[in-house]
Amino acid sequence: MTRTQIISAAVGALACLGAGVSVAAATPPPAPPATAVAPEAVRLLKEMSDYLGSAGEFTFHADVVFDHVLPSGQKVQFSAGEDVALKRPGGLYVEWSGDLGDRQFWYDGAKLTLYDPSQPFFATAAAPGDLDSMLNSVESITQFAPPLADFLYSDPYTAVSGKLVYGFDLGVQSVNGKSCRSLAFVEKDVDWQIWISQGAQRTPCKLVITYKGRPAQPQFSATFTDWDFAPRIAPSTFTPDLPSGTKKVPFATVGEGQ
């Protein structure tokens, strides 16, 4: 039973009991379950997680659209493109190019480096030796987290499922002409919808997140393309490629410039 059906049933039951005796009217309806995630939604989410997490390396592109809320309360929309190259256990390159600025992020299993091409400096720091540990600590080190990082863990399901309250399977829909299964999930502070490929490669096709706990409920969406699970990524991909004369600074300085 969906969350809407549960609430509707409870309201209907109270309306009927209102005309009865006072003892019956005082009996509260049964409380809805703490969580109600459809088994099919869980299965599909786990299949995607297992497929991504078991891959030794992959690349993909994502076209991103996101809202920014002005002090007036108005939502304005911006876009960006993200390219990702991942090689387990310790290689990640993320290139973000968008309306509000660009970023390049390298991780080679020993250190991570962040660079803003509009600035004459970069920042680097030691990092844990595996991707999962690095992703868990990257934001506290750099004040920056690679967008779509949940899909980069060895177990994406664990990364996204801990706060689920409700989950629904919405059936098959088309994303860029591709047949994808649409799932919708509810958490305390966010609602999100994900489309997962119906093909042999259980990859995400699209993601939409609504931040309902924030003013004006801004959204973030990403449409995925160009998944490649045999990309032959060169080791040099994870080594920073910086213009001559670029200066190293502490991460705090990079954060102040963002």
C-alpha atoms as a PDB file:
ATOM      1  CA  MET A   1       0.000   0.000   0.000  1.00  0.00           C
ATOM      2  CA  THR A   2       1.373   3.416  -0.909  1.00  0.00           C
ATOM      3  CA  ARG A   3       1.762   6.307   1.491  1.00  0.00           C
ATOM      4  CA  THR A   4      -1.211   8.114  -0.154  1.00  0.00           C
ATOM      5  CA  GLN A   5      -3.383   4.994   0.090  1.00  0.00           C
ATOM      6  CA  ILE A   6      -2.504   4.561   3.765  1.00  0.00           C
ATOM      7  CA  ILE A   7      -3.456   8.154   4.584  1.00  0.00           C
ATOM      8  CA  SER A   8      -6.656   7.980   2.507  1.00  0.00           C
ATOM      9  CA  ALA A   9      -7.719   4.731   4.186  1.00  0.00           C
ATOM     10  CA  ALA A  10      -7.129   6.186   7.644  1.00  0.00           C
ATOM     11  CA  VAL A  11      -9.128   9.343   6.867  1.00  0.00           C
ATOM     12  CA  GLY A  12     -11.981   7.276   5.440  1.00  0.00           C
ATOM     13  CA  ALA A  13     -12.063   5.016   8.489  1.00  0.00           C
ATOM     14  CA  LEU A  14     -12.246   7.978  10.860  1.00  0.00           C
ATOM     15  CA  ALA A  15     -15.122   9.522   8.880  1.00  0.00           C
ATOM     16  CA  CYS A  16     -17.154   6.296   9.164  1.00  0.00           C
ATOM     17  CA  LEU A  17     -16.432   5.873  12.871  1.00  0.00           C
ATOM     18  CA  GLY A  18     -17.486   9.454  13.605  1.00  0.00           C
ATOM     19  CA  ALA A  19     -21.172   8.483  13.329  1.00  0.00           C
ATOM     20  CA  GLY A  20     -20.801   5.533  15.707  1.00  0.00           C
ATOM     21  CA  VAL A  21     -20.473   5.216  19.456  1.00  0.00           C
ATOM     22  CA  SER A  22     -17.894   7.288  21.294  1.00  0.00           C
ATOM     23  CA  VAL A  23     -15.748   4.280  22.248  1.00  0.00           C
ATOM     24  CA  ALA A  24     -15.348   3.283  18.611  1.00  0.00           C
ATOM     25  CA  ALA A  25     -14.697   6.879  17.546  1.00  0.00           C
ATOM     26  CA  ALA A  26     -11.930   7.165  20.123  1.00  0.00           C
ATOM     27  CA  THR A  27     -10.087   4.125  18.771  1.00  0.00           C
ATOM     28  CA  PRO A  28      -7.142   5.385  16.704  1.00  0.00           C
ATOM     29  CA  PRO A  29      -6.496   3.905  13.266  1.00  0.00           C
ATOM     30  CA  PRO A  30      -3.507   1.599  12.947  1.00  0.00           C
ATOM     31  CA  ALA A  31      -0.240   3.482  12.450  1.00  0.00           C
ATOM     32  CA  PRO A  32       1.345   3.235   8.992  1.00  0.00           C
ATOM     33  CA  PRO A  33       4.521   1.178   8.793  1.00  0.00           C
ATOM     34  CA  ALA A  34       7.800   2.937   9.568  1.00  0.00           C
ATOM     35  CA  THR A  35       8.997   2.089   6.083  1.00  0.00           C
ATOM     36  CA  ALA A  36       7.248   0.764   2.988  1.00  0.00           C
ATOM     37  CA  VAL A  37       9.644   0.105   0.129  1.00  0.00           C
ATOM     38  CA  ALA A  38       8.292  -2.125  -2.634  1.00  0.00           C
ATOM     39  CA  PRO A  39      10.317  -5.367  -2.993  1.00  0.00           C
ATOM     40  CA  GLU A  40      10.574  -4.875  -6.759  1.00  0.00           C
ATOM     41  CA  ALA A  41      12.059  -1.405  -6.258  1.00  0.00           C
ATOM     42  CA  VAL A  42      14.620  -2.862  -3.843  1.00  0.00           C
ATOM     43  CA  ARG A  43      15.489  -5.662  -6.271  1.00  0.00           C
ATOM     44  CA  LEU A  44      16.076  -3.296  -9.187  1.00  0.00           C
ATOM     45  CA  LEU A  45      18.108  -0.882  -7.071  1.00  0.00           C
ATOM     46  CA  LYS A  46      20.274  -3.763  -5.828  1.00  0.00           C
ATOM     47  CA  GLU A  47      20.776  -5.094  -9.363  1.00  0.00           C
ATOM     48  CA  MET A  48      22.058  -1.701 -10.452  1.00  0.00           C
ATOM     49  CA  SER A  49      24.256  -1.495  -7.350  1.00  0.00           C
ATOM     50  CA  ASP A  50      25.735  -4.949  -7.918  1.00  0.00           C
ATOM     51  CA  TYR A  51      26.465  -4.197 -11.557  1.00  0.00           C
ATOM     52  CA  LEU A  52      28.222  -0.889 -10.890  1.00  0.00           C
ATOM     53  CA  GLY A  53      30.013  -2.118  -7.774  1.00  0.00           C
ATOM     54  CA  SER A  54      31.403  -5.223  -9.464  1.00  0.00           C
ATOM     55  CA  ALA A  55      32.895  -3.281 -12.376  1.00  0.00           C
ATOM     56  CA  GLY A  56      36.652  -2.905 -12.245  1.00  0.00           C
ATOM     57  CA  GLU A  57      36.539   0.256 -14.311  1.00  0.00           C
ATOM     58  CA  PHE A  58      34.055   2.402 -16.198  1.00  0.00           C
ATOM     59  CA  THR A  59      33.458   5.812 -17.703  1.00  0.00           C
ATOM     60  CA  PHE A  60      30.270   7.802 -18.230  1.00  0.00           C
ATOM     61  CA  HIS A  61      28.940  11.251 -19.029  1.00  0.00           C
ATOM     62  CA  ALA A  62      26.080  13.036 -17.263  1.00  0.00           C
ATOM     63  CA  ASP A  63      24.148  16.113 -18.342  1.00  0.00           C
ATOM     64  CA  VAL A  64      23.118  17.907 -15.174  1.00  0.00           C
ATOM     65  CA  VAL A  65      20.442  20.537 -14.473  1.00  0.00           C
ATOM     66  CA  PHE A  66      20.101  22.081 -11.019  1.00  0.00           C
ATOM     67  CA  ASP A  67      18.225  24.860  -9.246  1.00  0.00           C
ATOM     68  CA  HIS A  68      19.732  27.719  -7.299  1.00  0.00           C
ATOM     69  CA  VAL A  69      17.440  29.609  -4.905  1.00  0.00           C
ATOM     70  CA  LEU A  70      17.923  33.371  -4.805  1.00  0.00           C
ATOM     71  CA  PRO A  71      17.499  35.399  -1.576  1.00  0.00           C
ATOM     72  CA  SER A  72      14.127  36.501  -2.992  1.00  0.00           C
ATOM     73  CA  GLY A  73      12.998  32.871  -2.995  1.00  0.00           C
ATOM     74  CA  GLN A  74      13.017  32.591  -6.782  1.00  0.00           C
ATOM     75  CA  LYS A  75      14.473  29.427  -8.281  1.00  0.00           C
ATOM     76  CA  VAL A  76      16.836  29.868 -11.218  1.00  0.00           C
ATOM     77  CA  GLN A  77      18.156  26.953 -13.214  1.00  0.00           C
ATOM     78  CA  PHE A  78      21.705  26.143 -14.302  1.00  0.00           C
ATOM     79  CA  SER A  79      23.302  23.281 -16.211  1.00  0.00           C
ATOM     80  CA  ALA A  80      26.578  21.395 -16.268  1.00  0.00           C
ATOM     81  CA  GLY A  81      28.274  18.397 -17.803  1.00  0.00           C
ATOM     82  CA  GLU A  82      30.172  15.784 -15.820  1.00  0.00           C
ATOM     83  CA  ASP A  83      32.633  13.202 -17.144  1.00  0.00           C
ATOM     84  CA  VAL A  84      33.818  10.402 -14.867  1.00  0.00           C
ATOM     85  CA  ALA A  85      36.566   7.805 -15.213  1.00  0.00           C
ATOM     86  CA  LEU A  86      36.857   5.213 -12.428  1.00  0.00           C
ATOM     87  CA  LYS A  87      39.283   2.336 -11.920  1.00  0.00           C
ATOM     88  CA  ARG A  88      39.231   0.256  -8.764  1.00  0.00           C
ATOM     89  CA  PRO A  89      40.688   0.101  -6.223  1.00  0.00           C
ATOM     90  CA  GLY A  90      42.199   3.582  -6.295  1.00  0.00           C
ATOM     91  CA  GLY A  91      41.595   5.658  -9.409  1.00  0.00           C
ATOM     92  CA  LEU A  92      39.060   8.411 -10.063  1.00  0.00           C
ATOM     93  CA  TYR A  93      38.935  11.408 -12.374  1.00  0.00           C
ATOM     94  CA  VAL A  94      35.964  13.795 -12.450  1.00  0.00           C
ATOM     95  CA  GLU A  95      35.630  16.743 -14.798  1.00  0.00           C
ATOM     96  CA  TRP A  96      32.755  19.135 -14.132  1.00  0.00           C
ATOM     97  CA  SER A  97      31.972  21.965 -16.555  1.00  0.00           C
ATOM     98  CA  GLY A  98      28.997  24.173 -15.835  1.00  0.00           C
ATOM     99  CA  ASP A  99      27.323  27.565 -15.843  1.00  0.00           C
ATOM    100  CA  LEU A 100      28.617  28.344 -12.344  1.00  0.00           C
ATOM    101  CA  GLY A 101      32.178  27.203 -12.915  1.00  0.00           C
ATOM    102  CA  ASP A 102      34.395  24.233 -13.659  1.00  0.00           C
ATOM    103  CA  ARG A 103      36.278  21.725 -11.514  1.00  0.00           C
ATOM    104  CA  GLN A 104      38.764  18.922 -12.122  1.00  0.00           C
ATOM    105  CA  PHE A 105      39.281  16.235  -9.503  1.00  0.00           C
ATOM    106  CA  TRP A 106      41.964  13.531  -9.466  1.00  0.00           C
ATOM    107  CA  TYR A 107      42.462  10.600  -7.084  1.00  0.00           C
ATOM    108  CA  ASP A 108      45.322   8.131  -7.586  1.00  0.00           C
ATOM    109  CA  GLY A 109      44.992   5.883  -4.535  1.00  0.00           C
ATOM    110  CA  ALA A 110      47.343   7.970  -2.396  1.00  0.00           C
ATOM    111  CA  LYS A 111      46.333  11.592  -2.790  1.00  0.00           C
ATOM    112  CA  LEU A 112      43.524  13.715  -4.192  1.00  0.00           C
ATOM    113  CA  THR A 113      43.825  16.952  -6.130  1.00  0.00           C
ATOM    114  CA  LEU A 114      41.232  19.632  -6.875  1.00  0.00           C
ATOM    115  CA  TYR A 115      41.666  22.337  -9.517  1.00  0.00           C
ATOM    116  CA  ASP A 116      39.496  25.218 -10.681  1.00  0.00           C
ATOM    117  CA  PRO A 117      40.612  26.145 -14.226  1.00  0.00           C
ATOM    118  CA  SER A 118      39.629  29.780 -13.636  1.00  0.00           C
ATOM    119  CA  GLN A 119      42.185  30.074 -10.821  1.00  0.00           C
ATOM    120  CA  PRO A 120      46.024  30.002 -10.935  1.00  0.00           C
ATOM    121  CA  PHE A 121      46.291  27.481  -8.108  1.00  0.00           C
ATOM    122  CA  PHE A 122      45.363  23.943  -7.069  1.00  0.00           C
ATOM    123  CA  ALA A 123      45.133  21.976  -3.819  1.00  0.00           C
ATOM    124  CA  THR A 124      46.208  18.436  -2.981  1.00  0.00           C
ATOM    125  CA  ALA A 125      46.136  16.238   0.122  1.00  0.00           C
ATOM    126  CA  ALA A 126      46.833  12.691   1.238  1.00  0.00           C
ATOM    127  CA  ALA A 127      43.859  10.338   0.922  1.00  0.00           C
ATOM    128  CA  PRO A 128      42.897   6.780   1.928  1.00  0.00           C
ATOM    129  CA  GLY A 129      44.064   3.994  -0.384  1.00  0.00           C
ATOM    130  CA  ASP A 130      40.654   2.790  -1.593  1.00  0.00           C
ATOM    131  CA  LEU A 131      37.784   4.555  -3.302  1.00  0.00           C
ATOM    132  CA  ASP A 132      35.112   3.913  -0.676  1.00  0.00           C
ATOM    133  CA  SER A 133      37.235   5.318   2.159  1.00  0.00           C
ATOM    134  CA  MET A 134      38.243   8.293   0.037  1.00  0.00           C
ATOM    135  CA  LEU A 135      34.621   9.077  -0.865  1.00  0.00           C
ATOM    136  CA  ASN A 136      33.660   8.905   2.806  1.00  0.00           C
ATOM    137  CA  SER A 137      36.263  11.515   3.728  1.00  0.00           C
ATOM    138  CA  VAL A 138      36.638  13.705   0.638  1.00  0.00           C
ATOM    139  CA  GLU A 139      34.178  16.441   1.608  1.00  0.00           C
ATOM    140  CA  SER A 140      35.703  16.957   5.047  1.00  0.00           C
ATOM    141  CA  ILE A 141      39.139  17.296   3.425  1.00  0.00           C
ATOM    142  CA  THR A 142      38.306  19.421   0.381  1.00  0.00           C
ATOM    143  CA  GLN A 143      34.907  21.088   1.037  1.00  0.00           C
ATOM    144  CA  PHE A 144      34.002  19.477  -2.300  1.00  0.00           C
ATOM    145  CA  ALA A 145      32.258  16.200  -3.064  1.00  0.00           C
ATOM    146  CA  PRO A 146      32.208  14.807  -6.612  1.00  0.00           C
ATOM    147  CA  PRO A 147      28.629  15.086  -7.889  1.00  0.00           C
ATOM    148  CA  LEU A 148      26.921  11.687  -8.315  1.00  0.00           C
ATOM    149  CA  ALA A 149      29.453  10.138  -5.914  1.00  0.00           C
ATOM    150  CA  ASP A 150      26.901   7.595  -4.608  1.00  0.00           C
ATOM    151  CA  PHE A 151      27.250   5.672  -7.884  1.00  0.00           C
ATOM    152  CA  LEU A 152      31.023   5.348  -7.425  1.00  0.00           C
ATOM    153  CA  TYR A 153      31.004   3.200  -4.273  1.00  0.00           C
ATOM    154  CA  SER A 154      31.604  -0.549  -4.398  1.00  0.00           C
ATOM    155  CA  ASP A 155      28.094  -0.913  -2.931  1.00  0.00           C
ATOM    156  CA  PRO A 156      25.940   1.979  -4.151  1.00  0.00           C
ATOM    157  CA  TYR A 157      22.822   0.391  -2.629  1.00  0.00           C
ATOM    158  CA  THR A 158      24.170   0.775   0.892  1.00  0.00           C
ATOM    159  CA  ALA A 159      25.150   4.359   0.122  1.00  0.00           C
ATOM    160  CA  VAL A 160      21.583   5.326  -0.889  1.00  0.00           C
ATOM    161  CA  SER A 161      19.247   2.972   0.996  1.00  0.00           C
ATOM    162  CA  GLY A 162      19.906   3.801   4.639  1.00  0.00           C
ATOM    163  CA  LYS A 163      17.368   6.638   4.828  1.00  0.00           C
ATOM    164  CA  LEU A 164      14.590   5.246   2.632  1.00  0.00           C
ATOM    165  CA  VAL A 165      11.061   5.576   4.011  1.00  0.00           C
ATOM    166  CA  TYR A 166       8.941   4.726   0.974  1.00  0.00           C
ATOM    167  CA  GLY A 167       9.754   3.299  -2.444  1.00  0.00           C
ATOM    168  CA  PHE A 168       7.639   2.609  -5.531  1.00  0.00           C
ATOM    169  CA  ASP A 169       8.082   0.913  -8.905  1.00  0.00           C
ATOM    170  CA  LEU A 170       6.559   3.170 -11.586  1.00  0.00           C
ATOM    171  CA  GLY A 171       7.087   0.805 -14.508  1.00  0.00           C
ATOM    172  CA  VAL A 172       8.946   1.145 -17.793  1.00  0.00           C
ATOM    173  CA  GLN A 173       9.563   4.592 -19.283  1.00  0.00           C
ATOM    174  CA  SER A 174      11.730   5.942 -22.089  1.00  0.00           C
ATOM    175  CA  VAL A 175      14.826   8.056 -21.453  1.00  0.00           C
ATOM    176  CA  ASN A 176      16.567   9.323 -24.599  1.00  0.00           C
ATOM    177  CA  GLY A 177      14.912   6.498 -26.544  1.00  0.00           C
ATOM    178  CA  LYS A 178      16.161   3.874 -24.084  1.00  0.00           C
ATOM    179  CA  SER A 179      13.832   1.567 -22.152  1.00  0.00           C
ATOM    180  CA  CYS A 180      14.344   2.221 -18.431  1.00  0.00           C
ATOM    181  CA  ARG A 181      12.542   1.179 -15.251  1.00  0.00           C
ATOM    182  CA  SER A 182      11.402   4.146 -13.174  1.00  0.00           C
ATOM    183  CA  LEU A 183      11.587   3.997  -9.366  1.00  0.00           C
ATOM    184  CA  ALA A 184      10.549   6.696  -6.877  1.00  0.00           C
ATOM    185  CA  PHE A 185      11.774   6.972  -3.278  1.00  0.00           C
ATOM    186  CA  VAL A 186      10.920   9.114  -0.273  1.00  0.00           C
ATOM    187  CA  GLU A 187      13.288  10.105   2.516  1.00  0.00           C
ATOM    188  CA  LYS A 188      12.801  12.556   5.365  1.00  0.00           C
ATOM    189  CA  ASP A 189      14.506  15.484   3.649  1.00  0.00           C
ATOM    190  CA  VAL A 190      14.563  14.472  -0.027  1.00  0.00           C
ATOM    191  CA  ASP A 191      12.428  12.771  -2.630  1.00  0.00           C
ATOM    192  CA  TRP A 192      14.208  11.144  -5.553  1.00  0.00           C
ATOM    193  CA  GLN A 193      13.422   9.255  -8.713  1.00  0.00           C
ATOM    194  CA  ILE A 194      15.784   7.025 -10.663  1.00  0.00           C
ATOM    195  CA  TRP A 195      15.472   5.372 -14.051  1.00  0.00           C
ATOM    196  CA  ILE A 196      17.464   2.120 -14.486  1.00  0.00           C
ATOM    197  CA  SER A 197      18.285   0.532 -17.831  1.00  0.00           C
ATOM    198  CA  GLN A 198      16.267  -2.522 -18.821  1.00  0.00           C
ATOM    199  CA  GLY A 199      19.227  -3.881 -20.788  1.00  0.00           C
ATOM    200  CA  ALA A 200      21.946  -6.293 -19.709  1.00  0.00           C
ATOM    201  CA  GLN A 201      23.922  -3.400 -18.229  1.00  0.00           C
ATOM    202  CA  ARG A 202      21.932  -2.236 -15.205  1.00  0.00           C
ATOM    203  CA  THR A 203      23.078   1.367 -15.347  1.00  0.00           C
ATOM    204  CA  PRO A 204      21.244   4.490 -14.218  1.00  0.00           C
ATOM    205  CA  CYS A 205      19.587   6.333 -17.104  1.00  0.00           C
ATOM    206  CA  LYS A 206      18.430   9.387 -15.174  1.00  0.00           C
ATOM    207  CA  LEU A 207      18.216  10.752 -11.628  1.00  0.00           C
ATOM    208  CA  VAL A 208      16.038  13.524 -10.172  1.00  0.00           C
ATOM    209  CA  ILE A 209      16.383  14.718  -6.568  1.00  0.00           C
ATOM    210  CA  THR A 210      14.013  17.152  -4.819  1.00  0.00           C
ATOM    211  CA  TYR A 211      15.430  18.768  -1.679  1.00  0.00           C
ATOM    212  CA  LYS A 212      12.100  19.207   0.094  1.00  0.00           C
ATOM    213  CA  GLY A 213      13.731  20.309   3.361  1.00  0.00           C
ATOM    214  CA  ARG A 214      15.203  23.418   1.731  1.00  0.00           C
ATOM    215  CA  PRO A 215      13.383  26.663   0.881  1.00  0.00           C
ATOM    216  CA  ALA A 216      11.616  26.495  -2.503  1.00  0.00           C
ATOM    217  CA  GLN A 217      12.446  22.763  -2.763  1.00  0.00           C
ATOM    218  CA  PRO A 218      15.220  22.982  -5.402  1.00  0.00           C
ATOM    219  CA  GLN A 219      15.860  20.053  -7.741  1.00  0.00           C
ATOM    220  CA  PHE A 220      18.924  18.364  -9.182  1.00  0.00           C
ATOM    221  CA  SER A 221      18.707  16.105 -12.220  1.00  0.00           C
ATOM    222  CA  ALA A 222      21.270  14.103 -14.172  1.00  0.00           C
ATOM    223  CA  THR A 223      20.818  12.217 -17.440  1.00  0.00           C
ATOM    224  CA  PHE A 224      23.483   9.548 -18.011  1.00  0.00           C
ATOM    225  CA  THR A 225      25.011   8.592 -21.355  1.00  0.00           C
ATOM    226  CA  ASP A 226      28.097   6.904 -22.788  1.00  0.00           C
ATOM    227  CA  TRP A 227      28.531   4.175 -20.185  1.00  0.00           C
ATOM    228  CA  ASP A 228      31.642   2.145 -21.036  1.00  0.00           C
ATOM    229  CA  PHE A 229      32.748  -0.825 -18.921  1.00  0.00           C
ATOM    230  CA  ALA A 230      35.802  -1.697 -21.022  1.00  0.00           C
ATOM    231  CA  PRO A 231      37.354   1.736 -21.503  1.00  0.00           C
ATOM    232  CA  ARG A 232      41.070   0.844 -21.114  1.00  0.00           C
ATOM    233  CA  ILE A 233      41.715   3.879 -18.925  1.00  0.00           C
ATOM    234  CA  ALA A 234      45.346   4.989 -19.010  1.00  0.00           C
ATOM    235  CA  PRO A 235      47.047   5.290 -15.583  1.00  0.00           C
ATOM    236  CA  SER A 236      47.954   8.896 -16.435  1.00  0.00           C
ATOM    237  CA  THR A 237      44.245   9.773 -16.315  1.00  0.00           C
ATOM    238  CA  PHE A 238      44.463   9.896 -12.528  1.00  0.00           C
ATOM    239  CA  THR A 239      47.576  12.098 -12.455  1.00  0.00           C
ATOM    240  CA  PRO A 240      46.890  15.855 -12.279  1.00  0.00           C
ATOM    241  CA  ASP A 241      47.446  17.637 -15.579  1.00  0.00           C
ATOM    242  CA  LEU A 242      47.952  21.271 -14.586  1.00  0.00           C
ATOM    243  CA  PRO A 243      49.069  24.325 -16.548  1.00  0.00           C
ATOM    244  CA  SER A 244      52.656  25.448 -16.051  1.00  0.00           C
ATOM    245  CA  GLY A 245      52.990  27.934 -13.198  1.00  0.00           C
ATOM    246  CA  THR A 246      49.928  26.739 -11.277  1.00  0.00           C
ATOM    247  CA  LYS A 247      50.616  27.127  -7.559  1.00  0.00           C
ATOM    248  CA  LYS A 248      49.801  24.690  -4.772  1.00  0.00           C
ATOM    249  CA  VAL A 249      47.682  26.132  -1.942  1.00  0.00           C
ATOM    250  CA  PRO A 250      45.816  24.684   1.085  1.00  0.00           C
ATOM    251  CA  PHE A 251      42.316  23.363   0.483  1.00  0.00           C
ATOM    252  CA  ALA A 252      40.908  26.125   2.691  1.00  0.00           C
ATOM    253  CA  THR A 253      42.029  28.639   0.062  1.00  0.00           C
ATOM    254  CA  VAL A 254      40.255  26.740  -2.706  1.00  0.00           C
ATOM    255  CA  GLY A 255      37.098  26.651  -0.574  1.00  0.00           C
ATOM    256  CA  GLU A 256      37.197  30.412  -0.096  1.00  0.00           C
ATOM    257  CA  GLY A 257      37.383  30.896  -3.850  1.00  0.00           C
ATOM    258  CA  GLN A 258      34.347  28.763  -4.631  1.00  0.00           C
END
